[in-house]
Amino acid sequence: MTSVPDINYLLWWHANAYGWLDIPGLAYFLAIKNEAHIDHQNQLIYPPTLKLQLTNDAPNRADEMLQNIIVETGFSKQDLESQLEDLCAHLRSNMIQSGSVEFEPYGILKLLEDQSKSFTPSDFNAHHGFVGNQAIPISALKMNYQRNDELIAPIIPIKKKKEPNLKWLYYLLAFLWILFLVLLFWPSGKKQKSNAKNSNITELKDTLTYIEPTDTSSMLVVSDTMSTSDTTQAIILPKEEEIKEDNITELNKIVQGKTCVIIVGSFIKKNNAIRLEKKVVHDGYTSFTEEFGKFNRVGIQFDCMQRNLEEVLAELKQKYHPDSWILKH
């Protein structure tokens, strides 16, 4: 590995890395880069290029250029200055003798009559990735294709499928429609439907019933008897009222010192009532159950002397049904 710097190579590297060159006392160059492009008219593809361009500004950056080379290569400043001085002396002496000098490989530097300088760049590509590369001709690809008649598949006509006979389906639909109309207007069915509707209306009017739309087994009603989960003795509570926002304060005064029950559910199916009763007991309340007609009721018994009615109601609404509540006392 040589320890003597090659100033021509180092100037080429600096032009690519920093985009300028400063030849002390002679000229200051800018490195002009052009991107790769295609000349469609002449069918040529040009690689990226780098050429030098002379500028009249002389910022005197020779020391900066040498420092950049030193940082990159580690050569001594003394060796680099010596090489650069020799190059400058060669270019200056030839330009004075013949009026021009070739700054290889970048172009020709001329001395004009007014002592100014001009520079004519050469065709040399100084780009570090494409050194010396010039335009490359291109041409369209030509593909030879031969038709092979032997591989042509025969065209087979598509046979239309016969449409299925759906007459039997129409007859079935007509029969089912007639059967539906017969069942719909059958007298016994109409009477049973009317009785069921009237029964539900009566239950709503007479017993302050709440019925959920999707389950007739969940409703709130009142009763005249009660039993608790820890006793079998029936307790008669004749008075029963619906708890509303406008009467809760008055009811709270009336039931002070009495045993009270709030109905929290009423079900046609007894299994649903048993399930709610177990939940009431599990939640720590004294349960109340009774039968009222076809309904099985579940309530919660508490002592109105010890607890405020409004407080108990708010607690139960949060845990159970929030809409309809019946108070027995």
Protein backbone atom coordinates (compact mmCIF):
# COMPACT_ATOMS: atom_id res chain seq x y z
CA MET A 1 0.00 0.00 0.00
CA THR A 2 1.54 3.35 -1.11
CA SER A 3 1.94 6.19 1.38
CA VAL A 4 2.36 8.86 -1.33
CA PRO A 5 -0.92 10.64 -2.12
CA ASP A 6 -2.22 10.70 -5.70
CA ILE A 7 -3.56 14.25 -5.96
CA ASN A 8 -5.49 13.59 -9.19
CA TYR A 9 -7.41 10.72 -7.59
CA LEU A 10 -8.04 12.71 -4.39
CA LEU A 11 -9.37 15.73 -6.32
CA TRP A 12 -11.73 13.39 -8.21
CA TRP A 13 -12.95 11.92 -4.92
CA HIS A 14 -13.47 15.41 -3.41
CA ALA A 15 -15.49 16.57 -6.42
CA ASN A 16 -17.85 13.60 -6.03
CA ALA A 17 -18.09 13.84 -2.23
CA TYR A 18 -18.37 17.63 -1.77
CA GLY A 19 -19.33 18.98 -5.20
CA TRP A 20 -16.49 21.50 -5.72
CA LEU A 21 -12.71 21.89 -6.32
CA ASP A 22 -10.38 24.78 -5.53
CA ILE A 23 -7.13 24.93 -7.55
CA PRO A 24 -5.22 27.71 -5.78
CA GLY A 25 -4.36 30.68 -7.99
CA LEU A 26 -5.98 29.15 -11.07
CA ALA A 27 -9.67 28.32 -10.83
CA TYR A 28 -12.60 27.31 -8.66
CA PHE A 29 -14.85 24.55 -10.06
CA LEU A 30 -18.35 23.33 -9.23
CA ALA A 31 -19.21 19.65 -9.79
CA ILE A 32 -22.44 19.44 -11.82
CA LYS A 33 -24.32 16.14 -11.47
CA ASN A 34 -26.99 14.93 -13.89
CA GLU A 35 -29.36 12.05 -13.17
CA ALA A 36 -29.75 9.05 -15.44
CA HIS A 37 -32.29 9.58 -18.23
CA ILE A 38 -33.55 8.13 -21.52
CA ASP A 39 -33.43 9.90 -24.88
CA HIS A 40 -36.46 8.38 -26.58
CA GLN A 41 -35.91 10.13 -29.92
CA ASN A 42 -32.35 8.88 -30.34
CA GLN A 43 -33.03 5.66 -28.42
CA LEU A 44 -30.19 6.19 -25.92
CA ILE A 45 -29.99 5.64 -22.17
CA TYR A 46 -27.65 8.00 -20.32
CA PRO A 47 -26.08 7.03 -16.97
CA PRO A 48 -25.64 9.55 -14.13
CA THR A 49 -22.84 11.99 -15.01
CA LEU A 50 -20.53 14.47 -13.23
CA LYS A 51 -18.72 17.32 -15.02
CA LEU A 52 -16.80 20.36 -13.77
CA GLN A 53 -17.96 23.91 -14.38
CA LEU A 54 -15.70 26.97 -13.96
CA THR A 55 -17.04 29.79 -11.79
CA ASN A 56 -15.75 33.35 -11.56
CA ASP A 57 -16.10 33.34 -7.76
CA ALA A 58 -12.86 32.53 -5.97
CA PRO A 59 -13.77 31.82 -2.32
CA ASN A 60 -10.24 30.50 -1.54
CA ARG A 61 -11.27 27.16 -0.04
CA ALA A 62 -8.09 25.24 -0.77
CA ASP A 63 -7.31 24.75 2.94
CA GLU A 64 -10.82 23.43 3.56
CA MET A 65 -10.47 21.02 0.62
CA LEU A 66 -7.17 19.70 1.97
CA GLN A 67 -8.66 19.27 5.45
CA ASN A 68 -11.56 17.23 4.00
CA ILE A 69 -9.07 14.95 2.23
CA ILE A 70 -6.96 14.58 5.38
CA VAL A 71 -9.99 13.54 7.46
CA GLU A 72 -10.99 10.97 4.85
CA THR A 73 -7.58 9.51 3.94
CA GLY A 74 -5.21 10.27 6.84
CA PHE A 75 -2.49 11.69 4.57
CA SER A 76 -0.32 14.42 6.01
CA LYS A 77 -1.08 18.00 5.12
CA GLN A 78 2.51 18.59 4.04
CA ASP A 79 2.39 15.80 1.45
CA LEU A 80 -0.95 16.98 0.09
CA GLU A 81 0.19 20.60 -0.18
CA SER A 82 3.33 19.49 -2.04
CA GLN A 83 1.31 17.45 -4.56
CA LEU A 84 -1.18 20.27 -5.07
CA GLU A 85 1.56 22.85 -5.62
CA ASP A 86 3.17 20.66 -8.29
CA LEU A 87 -0.17 20.32 -10.08
CA CYS A 88 -0.81 24.07 -9.96
CA ALA A 89 2.69 24.82 -11.27
CA HIS A 90 2.21 22.42 -14.18
CA LEU A 91 -1.17 23.91 -15.16
CA ARG A 92 0.01 27.52 -14.76
CA SER A 93 3.20 27.15 -16.80
CA ASN A 94 1.51 25.34 -19.72
CA MET A 95 -1.37 27.84 -19.80
CA ILE A 96 1.05 30.79 -19.93
CA GLN A 97 3.17 29.20 -22.68
CA SER A 98 0.43 27.96 -24.99
CA GLY A 99 -2.61 29.91 -23.78
CA SER A 100 -4.46 26.76 -22.72
CA VAL A 101 -3.88 23.62 -20.74
CA GLU A 102 -5.73 20.32 -20.43
CA PHE A 103 -6.93 19.71 -16.88
CA GLU A 104 -7.13 15.97 -17.26
CA PRO A 105 -9.58 14.36 -17.51
CA TYR A 106 -12.10 17.11 -16.92
CA GLY A 107 -11.52 19.57 -19.82
CA ILE A 108 -9.42 22.41 -21.24
CA LEU A 109 -8.63 25.58 -19.28
CA LYS A 110 -7.88 28.66 -21.46
CA LEU A 111 -6.34 32.03 -20.64
CA LEU A 112 -8.15 34.86 -22.46
CA GLU A 113 -6.71 38.21 -23.60
CA ASP A 114 -8.21 40.04 -20.61
CA GLN A 115 -6.41 37.53 -18.34
CA SER A 116 -9.72 35.88 -17.45
CA LYS A 117 -10.14 32.15 -17.85
CA SER A 118 -12.60 29.88 -19.64
CA PHE A 119 -13.17 26.15 -19.29
CA THR A 120 -14.46 23.69 -21.88
CA PRO A 121 -15.52 20.40 -20.24
CA SER A 122 -14.62 17.13 -21.93
CA ASP A 123 -16.96 14.19 -22.60
CA PHE A 124 -15.39 12.27 -19.72
CA ASN A 125 -17.94 11.10 -17.11
CA ALA A 126 -16.39 11.70 -13.68
CA HIS A 127 -19.33 10.27 -11.70
CA HIS A 128 -17.94 7.90 -9.04
CA GLY A 129 -20.48 5.15 -9.85
CA PHE A 130 -20.18 5.38 -13.66
CA VAL A 131 -16.64 6.60 -14.36
CA GLY A 132 -16.08 6.93 -18.11
CA ASN A 133 -19.50 5.50 -19.01
CA GLN A 134 -21.35 7.13 -21.88
CA ALA A 135 -24.79 6.72 -23.46
CA ILE A 136 -25.90 3.20 -24.33
CA PRO A 137 -28.14 2.55 -27.34
CA ILE A 138 -31.41 0.75 -26.68
CA SER A 139 -33.90 -0.91 -28.99
CA ALA A 140 -37.30 -2.47 -28.65
CA LEU A 141 -37.43 -6.20 -28.00
CA LYS A 142 -38.60 -8.30 -30.89
CA MET A 143 -40.43 -11.49 -30.06
CA ASN A 144 -40.96 -14.22 -32.60
CA TYR A 145 -44.26 -16.00 -32.17
CA GLN A 146 -45.40 -18.99 -34.13
CA ARG A 147 -48.95 -20.14 -33.99
CA ASN A 148 -49.44 -23.80 -33.27
CA ASP A 149 -52.75 -24.87 -34.78
CA GLU A 150 -52.48 -28.33 -33.26
CA LEU A 151 -53.06 -26.99 -29.73
CA ILE A 152 -56.37 -25.28 -30.56
CA ALA A 153 -59.09 -26.83 -28.47
CA PRO A 154 -62.36 -27.69 -30.22
CA ILE A 155 -65.30 -25.47 -29.44
CA ILE A 156 -68.06 -27.49 -27.78
CA PRO A 157 -71.49 -25.83 -27.68
CA ILE A 158 -72.98 -25.43 -24.23
CA LYS A 159 -76.14 -27.39 -23.73
CA LYS A 160 -78.92 -25.56 -21.96
CA LYS A 161 -80.21 -27.28 -18.90
CA LYS A 162 -83.88 -28.02 -18.72
CA GLU A 163 -85.72 -25.81 -16.29
CA PRO A 164 -87.17 -27.79 -13.38
CA ASN A 165 -90.91 -28.26 -13.20
CA LEU A 166 -92.13 -26.20 -10.24
CA LYS A 167 -95.84 -26.83 -10.55
CA TRP A 168 -95.86 -29.08 -7.50
CA LEU A 169 -94.28 -26.25 -5.45
CA TYR A 170 -97.06 -23.83 -6.46
CA TYR A 171 -99.69 -26.41 -5.47
CA LEU A 172 -98.01 -26.88 -2.08
CA LEU A 173 -97.92 -23.14 -1.42
CA ALA A 174 -101.58 -22.81 -2.34
CA PHE A 175 -102.51 -25.65 0.01
CA LEU A 176 -100.55 -24.13 2.90
CA TRP A 177 -102.17 -20.74 2.30
CA ILE A 178 -105.65 -22.25 2.44
CA LEU A 179 -104.73 -24.14 5.63
CA PHE A 180 -103.47 -20.91 7.20
CA LEU A 181 -106.71 -19.08 6.40
CA VAL A 182 -108.80 -21.90 7.87
CA LEU A 183 -106.85 -21.87 11.14
CA LEU A 184 -106.90 -18.08 11.28
CA PHE A 185 -110.67 -17.72 10.99
CA TRP A 186 -111.65 -20.82 12.94
CA PRO A 187 -114.33 -19.70 15.52
CA SER A 188 -112.84 -21.43 18.60
CA GLY A 189 -109.43 -19.98 17.92
CA LYS A 190 -110.85 -16.45 17.68
CA LYS A 191 -112.79 -16.77 20.93
CA GLN A 192 -109.74 -18.13 22.77
CA LYS A 193 -107.61 -15.27 21.51
CA SER A 194 -110.23 -12.70 22.61
CA ASN A 195 -110.51 -14.25 26.08
CA ALA A 196 -106.74 -14.24 26.53
CA LYS A 197 -106.58 -10.56 25.50
CA ASN A 198 -109.40 -9.57 27.90
CA SER A 199 -107.76 -11.55 30.71
CA ASN A 200 -104.49 -9.68 30.23
CA ILE A 201 -106.29 -6.30 30.18
CA THR A 202 -108.20 -7.15 33.37
CA GLU A 203 -105.02 -8.26 35.09
CA LEU A 204 -103.37 -4.98 34.13
CA LYS A 205 -106.27 -2.84 35.39
CA ASP A 206 -107.11 -4.70 38.63
CA THR A 207 -103.68 -5.76 39.90
CA LEU A 208 -101.25 -3.08 38.67
CA THR A 209 -99.49 -5.67 36.52
CA TYR A 210 -96.27 -5.12 34.55
CA ILE A 211 -95.70 -7.60 31.68
CA GLU A 212 -92.49 -7.72 29.71
CA PRO A 213 -93.09 -8.06 25.92
CA THR A 214 -90.90 -11.12 25.39
CA ASP A 215 -91.70 -13.18 28.51
CA THR A 216 -95.18 -13.42 30.08
CA SER A 217 -93.62 -15.19 33.06
CA SER A 218 -92.15 -11.91 34.40
CA MET A 219 -94.73 -9.52 35.94
CA LEU A 220 -95.39 -7.52 39.13
CA VAL A 221 -98.68 -8.03 41.08
CA VAL A 222 -100.05 -7.69 44.68
CA SER A 223 -101.57 -10.15 47.15
CA ASP A 224 -103.41 -10.40 50.53
CA THR A 225 -101.22 -13.16 52.07
CA MET A 226 -97.52 -13.66 52.50
CA SER A 227 -95.01 -16.21 53.70
CA THR A 228 -91.29 -15.84 54.34
CA SER A 229 -88.48 -18.17 53.45
CA ASP A 230 -87.79 -18.86 57.17
CA THR A 231 -91.43 -19.39 58.36
CA THR A 232 -94.50 -21.19 57.08
CA GLN A 233 -97.03 -19.05 58.99
CA ALA A 234 -99.17 -16.84 56.71
CA ILE A 235 -99.22 -13.13 57.54
CA ILE A 236 -102.20 -11.08 56.37
CA LEU A 237 -101.27 -7.66 54.95
CA PRO A 238 -104.53 -6.28 53.62
CA LYS A 239 -103.27 -2.93 52.33
CA GLU A 240 -101.32 -2.75 49.08
CA GLU A 241 -100.41 0.27 47.00
CA GLU A 242 -98.30 1.08 43.98
CA ILE A 243 -95.19 3.07 44.89
CA LYS A 244 -94.80 6.24 42.82
CA GLU A 245 -92.57 9.28 43.03
CA ASP A 246 -95.42 11.50 44.20
CA ASN A 247 -96.60 9.21 47.04
CA ILE A 248 -93.40 7.64 48.37
CA THR A 249 -92.99 10.25 51.14
CA GLU A 250 -96.57 9.79 52.32
CA LEU A 251 -96.28 6.00 52.22
CA ASN A 252 -93.06 6.16 54.22
CA LYS A 253 -94.93 7.90 57.06
CA ILE A 254 -97.86 5.46 56.94
CA VAL A 255 -95.78 2.26 57.17
CA GLN A 256 -93.52 3.37 60.05
CA GLY A 257 -93.44 0.61 62.69
CA LYS A 258 -95.06 -1.97 60.40
CA THR A 259 -93.92 -5.06 58.54
CA CYS A 260 -93.66 -4.23 54.84
CA VAL A 261 -93.28 -6.24 51.68
CA ILE A 262 -92.26 -4.98 48.22
CA ILE A 263 -93.23 -7.24 45.31
CA VAL A 264 -90.30 -7.50 42.91
CA GLY A 265 -91.49 -10.21 40.49
CA SER A 266 -94.48 -12.24 39.35
CA PHE A 267 -94.23 -15.27 37.05
CA ILE A 268 -96.57 -17.69 35.36
CA LYS A 269 -93.87 -20.37 35.49
CA LYS A 270 -93.11 -21.40 39.05
CA ASN A 271 -89.52 -22.29 38.19
CA ASN A 272 -88.86 -18.63 37.35
CA ALA A 273 -90.32 -17.58 40.72
CA ILE A 274 -88.15 -20.13 42.57
CA ARG A 275 -85.08 -18.86 40.72
CA LEU A 276 -85.80 -15.24 41.73
CA GLU A 277 -86.54 -16.31 45.34
CA LYS A 278 -83.14 -17.99 45.55
CA LYS A 279 -81.49 -14.81 44.24
CA VAL A 280 -83.33 -12.72 46.87
CA VAL A 281 -82.16 -15.02 49.68
CA HIS A 282 -78.63 -15.09 48.23
CA ASP A 283 -78.60 -11.27 48.24
CA GLY A 284 -79.31 -11.34 52.01
CA TYR A 285 -83.01 -10.40 52.02
CA THR A 286 -85.99 -12.10 53.68
CA SER A 287 -88.01 -13.52 50.80
CA PHE A 288 -91.76 -13.47 50.35
CA THR A 289 -93.69 -15.85 48.06
CA GLU A 290 -97.38 -16.32 47.31
CA GLU A 291 -99.75 -17.49 44.59
CA PHE A 292 -102.16 -15.08 42.97
CA GLY A 293 -104.37 -16.70 40.38
CA LYS A 294 -102.07 -18.21 37.78
CA PHE A 295 -99.10 -16.10 38.92
CA ASN A 296 -96.35 -16.95 41.41
CA ARG A 297 -95.12 -13.84 43.19
CA VAL A 298 -91.82 -13.04 44.82
CA GLY A 299 -91.32 -10.19 47.25
CA ILE A 300 -88.89 -8.84 49.84
CA GLN A 301 -89.93 -8.36 53.48
CA PHE A 302 -88.33 -5.68 55.63
CA ASP A 303 -88.96 -3.72 58.83
CA CYS A 304 -90.19 -0.21 58.07
CA MET A 305 -89.21 0.84 61.59
CA GLN A 306 -85.53 0.21 60.93
CA ARG A 307 -85.22 1.16 57.24
CA ASN A 308 -86.54 4.04 55.19
CA LEU A 309 -88.92 3.04 52.38
CA GLU A 310 -87.29 5.33 49.84
CA GLU A 311 -83.84 3.92 50.66
CA VAL A 312 -85.02 0.32 50.31
CA LEU A 313 -86.84 1.09 47.05
CA ALA A 314 -83.75 2.68 45.47
CA GLU A 315 -81.66 -0.35 46.48
CA LEU A 316 -84.14 -2.88 45.06
CA LYS A 317 -84.64 -0.96 41.82
CA GLN A 318 -80.93 -1.19 41.19
CA LYS A 319 -80.81 -4.96 41.79
CA TYR A 320 -84.19 -6.02 40.38
CA HIS A 321 -86.90 -4.58 38.13
CA PRO A 322 -86.75 -0.74 37.86
CA ASP A 323 -90.30 0.02 36.65
CA SER A 324 -93.28 -1.32 38.64
CA TRP A 325 -93.30 -1.79 42.44
CA ILE A 326 -96.13 -2.77 44.84
CA LEU A 327 -96.03 -2.09 48.56
CA LYS A 328 -97.97 -4.32 51.03
CA HIS A 329 -98.32 -3.22 54.66
